[in-house]
C-alpha atoms as a PDB file:
ATOM      1  CA  MET A   1       5.128   0.362  -4.364  1.00  0.00           C
ATOM      2  CA  SER A   2       7.064  -0.961  -1.355  1.00  0.00           C
ATOM      3  CA  LEU A   3       5.527  -2.645   1.601  1.00  0.00           C
ATOM      4  CA  TYR A   4       6.843   0.156   3.820  1.00  0.00           C
ATOM      5  CA  THR A   5       5.141   2.802   1.697  1.00  0.00           C
ATOM      6  CA  GLU A   6       1.905   0.807   1.715  1.00  0.00           C
ATOM      7  CA  PHE A   7       1.896   0.394   5.512  1.00  0.00           C
ATOM      8  CA  SER A   8       3.407   3.723   6.588  1.00  0.00           C
ATOM      9  CA  THR A   9       0.016   5.244   7.429  1.00  0.00           C
ATOM     10  CA  LEU A  10      -0.808   2.104   9.460  1.00  0.00           C
ATOM     11  CA  PHE A  11       2.358   2.047  11.587  1.00  0.00           C
ATOM     12  CA  PRO A  12       1.134   4.260  14.467  1.00  0.00           C
ATOM     13  CA  TYR A  13      -1.858   1.865  14.928  1.00  0.00           C
ATOM     14  CA  LEU A  14      -0.681  -1.448  13.560  1.00  0.00           C
ATOM     15  CA  GLN A  15       0.017  -4.053  16.253  1.00  0.00           C
ATOM     16  CA  SER A  16       0.471  -7.125  14.033  1.00  0.00           C
ATOM     17  CA  VAL A  17      -0.223  -8.774  10.688  1.00  0.00           C
ATOM     18  CA  ARG A  18      -0.959 -12.493  10.997  1.00  0.00           C
ATOM     19  CA  LYS A  19      -1.501 -15.281   8.509  1.00  0.00           C
ATOM     20  CA  LEU A  20      -4.430 -17.514   9.496  1.00  0.00           C
ATOM     21  CA  LYS A  21      -4.690 -20.350   6.929  1.00  0.00           C
ATOM     22  CA  ASN A  22      -6.024 -18.547   3.831  1.00  0.00           C
ATOM     23  CA  TYR A  23      -6.558 -15.229   5.629  1.00  0.00           C
ATOM     24  CA  LEU A  24      -4.593 -12.216   6.768  1.00  0.00           C
ATOM     25  CA  SER A  25      -5.459 -10.397   9.946  1.00  0.00           C
ATOM     26  CA  PHE A  26      -4.451  -6.776  10.438  1.00  0.00           C
ATOM     27  CA  ASP A  27      -4.610  -5.980  14.147  1.00  0.00           C
ATOM     28  CA  LEU A  28      -4.927  -2.284  14.933  1.00  0.00           C
ATOM     29  CA  SER A  29      -4.955  -0.441  18.237  1.00  0.00           C
ATOM     30  CA  ILE A  30      -7.177   2.614  17.866  1.00  0.00           C
ATOM     31  CA  PRO A  31      -8.537   5.163  20.367  1.00  0.00           C
ATOM     32  CA  ASN A  32     -11.902   4.348  21.955  1.00  0.00           C
ATOM     33  CA  THR A  33     -13.298   7.611  20.489  1.00  0.00           C
ATOM     34  CA  TRP A  34     -12.741   6.527  16.901  1.00  0.00           C
ATOM     35  CA  LYS A  35     -15.635   5.454  14.747  1.00  0.00           C
ATOM     36  CA  LEU A  36     -15.732   2.677  12.145  1.00  0.00           C
ATOM     37  CA  PRO A  37     -17.838   4.042   9.269  1.00  0.00           C
ATOM     38  CA  LYS A  38     -20.030   1.347   7.764  1.00  0.00           C
ATOM     39  CA  LYS A  39     -18.810   2.033   4.264  1.00  0.00           C
ATOM     40  CA  PHE A  40     -15.262   1.003   5.267  1.00  0.00           C
ATOM     41  CA  VAL A  41     -16.127  -2.058   7.371  1.00  0.00           C
ATOM     42  CA  ASP A  42     -17.386  -5.542   6.510  1.00  0.00           C
ATOM     43  CA  GLU A  43     -18.861  -6.471   9.890  1.00  0.00           C
ATOM     44  CA  GLU A  44     -18.360 -10.175   9.200  1.00  0.00           C
ATOM     45  CA  LYS A  45     -14.602  -9.612   8.749  1.00  0.00           C
ATOM     46  CA  ILE A  46     -13.711  -7.607  11.858  1.00  0.00           C
ATOM     47  CA  MET A  47     -13.338  -8.732  15.449  1.00  0.00           C
ATOM     48  CA  GLU A  48     -12.684  -6.696  18.565  1.00  0.00           C
ATOM     49  CA  GLN A  49     -10.313  -8.171  21.093  1.00  0.00           C
ATOM     50  CA  ASP A  50      -9.263  -7.142  24.606  1.00  0.00           C
ATOM     51  CA  SER A  51      -6.822  -4.254  24.471  1.00  0.00           C
ATOM     52  CA  LYS A  52      -3.953  -3.959  26.891  1.00  0.00           C
ATOM     53  CA  ILE A  53      -3.686  -0.204  26.164  1.00  0.00           C
ATOM     54  CA  SER A  54      -5.936   1.962  28.282  1.00  0.00           C
ATOM     55  CA  GLY A  55      -8.336   4.074  26.190  1.00  0.00           C
ATOM     56  CA  HIS A  56      -7.812   1.952  23.070  1.00  0.00           C
ATOM     57  CA  ARG A  57      -9.592  -0.796  21.192  1.00  0.00           C
ATOM     58  CA  LEU A  58      -7.852  -3.695  19.476  1.00  0.00           C
ATOM     59  CA  ILE A  59      -9.638  -4.436  16.212  1.00  0.00           C
ATOM     60  CA  SER A  60      -8.742  -7.255  13.832  1.00  0.00           C
ATOM     61  CA  PHE A  61      -9.519  -6.706  10.157  1.00  0.00           C
ATOM     62  CA  VAL A  62      -9.535 -10.090   8.455  1.00  0.00           C
ATOM     63  CA  THR A  63      -9.368 -10.634   4.716  1.00  0.00           C
ATOM     64  CA  GLU A  64      -8.787 -13.471   2.252  1.00  0.00           C
ATOM     65  CA  ILE A  65      -5.266 -13.695   0.860  1.00  0.00           C
ATOM     66  CA  SER A  66      -5.633 -12.284  -2.631  1.00  0.00           C
ATOM     67  CA  GLU A  67      -4.281  -9.123  -4.180  1.00  0.00           C
ATOM     68  CA  ASP A  68      -7.711  -7.491  -4.552  1.00  0.00           C
ATOM     69  CA  ALA A  69      -8.989  -8.457  -1.095  1.00  0.00           C
ATOM     70  CA  VAL A  70      -5.806  -7.334   0.709  1.00  0.00           C
ATOM     71  CA  GLU A  71      -5.712  -4.049  -1.255  1.00  0.00           C
ATOM     72  CA  LYS A  72      -9.364  -3.332  -0.431  1.00  0.00           C
ATOM     73  CA  ASN A  73      -8.813  -4.138   3.238  1.00  0.00           C
ATOM     74  CA  THR A  74      -5.743  -1.914   3.545  1.00  0.00           C
ATOM     75  CA  ASP A  75      -7.562   0.894   1.654  1.00  0.00           C
ATOM     76  CA  ASN A  76     -10.474   0.625   4.050  1.00  0.00           C
ATOM     77  CA  ILE A  77      -8.158   0.696   7.080  1.00  0.00           C
ATOM     78  CA  GLN A  78      -6.329   3.731   5.715  1.00  0.00           C
ATOM     79  CA  ASN A  79      -9.688   5.431   5.072  1.00  0.00           C
ATOM     80  CA  ILE A  80     -10.812   4.698   8.667  1.00  0.00           C
ATOM     81  CA  ILE A  81      -7.584   6.305   9.920  1.00  0.00           C
ATOM     82  CA  LYS A  82      -7.976   9.319   7.614  1.00  0.00           C
ATOM     83  CA  TYR A  83     -11.655   9.723   8.564  1.00  0.00           C
ATOM     84  CA  ASN A  84     -10.898   9.719  12.277  1.00  0.00           C
ATOM     85  CA  LEU A  85      -7.845  11.978  12.086  1.00  0.00           C
ATOM     86  CA  GLU A  86      -9.993  14.446  10.158  1.00  0.00           C
ATOM     87  CA  ARG A  87     -12.724  14.186  12.844  1.00  0.00           C
ATOM     88  CA  GLU A  88     -10.130  14.934  15.537  1.00  0.00           C
ATOM     89  CA  GLU A  89      -8.806  17.955  13.600  1.00  0.00           C
ATOM     90  CA  LYS A  90     -12.359  19.234  13.064  1.00  0.00           C
ATOM     91  CA  ASP A  91     -12.970  18.919  16.838  1.00  0.00           C
ATOM     92  CA  ARG A  92      -9.766  20.877  17.596  1.00  0.00           C
ATOM     93  CA  LEU A  93     -10.796  23.544  15.080  1.00  0.00           C
ATOM     94  CA  PHE A  94     -14.283  23.705  16.628  1.00  0.00           C
ATOM     95  CA  GLN A  95     -12.762  24.225  20.103  1.00  0.00           C
ATOM     96  CA  VAL A  96     -10.597  27.057  18.723  1.00  0.00           C
ATOM     97  CA  LYS A  97     -13.544  28.772  17.061  1.00  0.00           C
ATOM     98  CA  VAL A  98     -15.647  28.462  20.228  1.00  0.00           C
ATOM     99  CA  ALA A  99     -12.813  30.081  22.196  1.00  0.00           C
ATOM    100  CA  GLU A 100     -12.562  32.882  19.651  1.00  0.00           C
ATOM    101  CA  LEU A 101     -16.315  33.487  19.808  1.00  0.00           C
ATOM    102  CA  LYS A 102     -16.202  33.391  23.613  1.00  0.00           C
ATOM    103  CA  SER A 103     -13.456  36.036  23.513  1.00  0.00           C
ATOM    104  CA  ILE A 104     -15.584  38.237  21.277  1.00  0.00           C
ATOM    105  CA  PHE A 105     -18.479  37.953  23.732  1.00  0.00           C
ATOM    106  CA  GLU A 106     -16.273  38.769  26.700  1.00  0.00           C
ATOM    107  CA  LYS A 107     -14.724  41.866  25.066  1.00  0.00           C
ATOM    108  CA  GLN A 108     -17.694  43.485  23.268  1.00  0.00           C
ATOM    109  CA  SER A 109     -20.556  45.457  24.709  1.00  0.00           C
ATOM    110  CA  LEU A 110     -24.017  43.951  24.782  1.00  0.00           C
ATOM    111  CA  SER A 111     -25.305  46.484  22.267  1.00  0.00           C
ATOM    112  CA  LYS A 112     -22.588  45.488  19.751  1.00  0.00           C
ATOM    113  CA  LEU A 113     -23.197  41.804  20.385  1.00  0.00           C
ATOM    114  CA  LYS A 114     -26.911  42.247  19.660  1.00  0.00           C
ATOM    115  CA  ASN A 115     -25.867  43.351  16.188  1.00  0.00           C
ATOM    116  CA  LEU A 116     -23.511  40.466  15.644  1.00  0.00           C
ATOM    117  CA  SER A 117     -24.535  38.390  12.647  1.00  0.00           C
ATOM    118  CA  PHE A 118     -23.526  35.183  11.010  1.00  0.00           C
ATOM    119  CA  GLU A 119     -23.549  34.790   7.262  1.00  0.00           C
ATOM    120  CA  LEU A 120     -23.671  31.203   6.016  1.00  0.00           C
ATOM    121  CA  LYS A 121     -22.892  30.293   2.445  1.00  0.00           C
ATOM    122  CA  THR A 122     -24.652  27.097   1.458  1.00  0.00           C
ATOM    123  CA  GLU A 123     -23.732  24.295  -0.864  1.00  0.00           C
ATOM    124  CA  LYS A 124     -24.848  20.669  -0.777  1.00  0.00           C
ATOM    125  CA  ILE A 125     -22.211  18.466   0.838  1.00  0.00           C
ATOM    126  CA  GLU A 126     -21.962  14.746   1.433  1.00  0.00           C
ATOM    127  CA  LEU A 127     -21.508  13.456   4.986  1.00  0.00           C
ATOM    128  CA  GLU A 128     -19.954  10.245   6.255  1.00  0.00           C
ATOM    129  CA  ASP A 129     -21.700   7.393   8.046  1.00  0.00           C
ATOM    130  CA  GLU A 130     -24.840   7.510   5.934  1.00  0.00           C
ATOM    131  CA  GLU A 131     -25.771  10.812   7.469  1.00  0.00           C
ATOM    132  CA  GLU A 132     -28.199  13.145   5.666  1.00  0.00           C
ATOM    133  CA  SER A 133     -26.647  15.991   3.816  1.00  0.00           C
ATOM    134  CA  VAL A 134     -26.590  19.472   5.330  1.00  0.00           C
ATOM    135  CA  GLY A 135     -26.378  22.648   3.349  1.00  0.00           C
ATOM    136  CA  VAL A 136     -23.665  24.556   5.265  1.00  0.00           C
ATOM    137  CA  THR A 137     -20.041  24.409   4.067  1.00  0.00           C
ATOM    138  CA  SER A 138     -18.594  27.706   5.204  1.00  0.00           C
ATOM    139  CA  GLU A 139     -19.437  30.498   7.575  1.00  0.00           C
ATOM    140  CA  LEU A 140     -18.512  34.056   8.139  1.00  0.00           C
ATOM    141  CA  VAL A 141     -18.816  35.893  11.468  1.00  0.00           C
ATOM    142  CA  ARG A 142     -18.903  39.692  11.458  1.00  0.00           C
ATOM    143  CA  GLU A 143     -20.291  42.594  13.439  1.00  0.00           C
ATOM    144  CA  GLY A 144     -23.581  43.954  12.147  1.00  0.00           C
ATOM    145  CA  GLU A 145     -24.398  47.586  11.441  1.00  0.00           C
ATOM    146  CA  GLU A 146     -25.643  49.562  14.385  1.00  0.00           C
END
């Protein structure tokens, strides 16, 4: 696998890669709203620095120079990016669904809205950030019988 392919997901966020004696530092500029899930971060090997970009954090992910350590570090960084991009997409989807529901409430009569029901299908799912699991994975909104 080429270095370009390996780093392609990092490029929008990667500010620099530095060699510090026997360590590599991957410096990433990420939005302030992004989270760093504990399962992807070794708190002893990251450092936040002052960011010159408004609304962003500059985080250095430091690792020993070895194939396994560098691979684990880049995998963790890629997982952090994937996790946060998914969170952003979920937030956008949530906003769309709220707007759709608001439209239903604006257009329907009160009597019809009183019969509106939500059917939730449950399955056990795993959540990130050591959260407890919740049983809801999908939902269906429909008008109830009058």
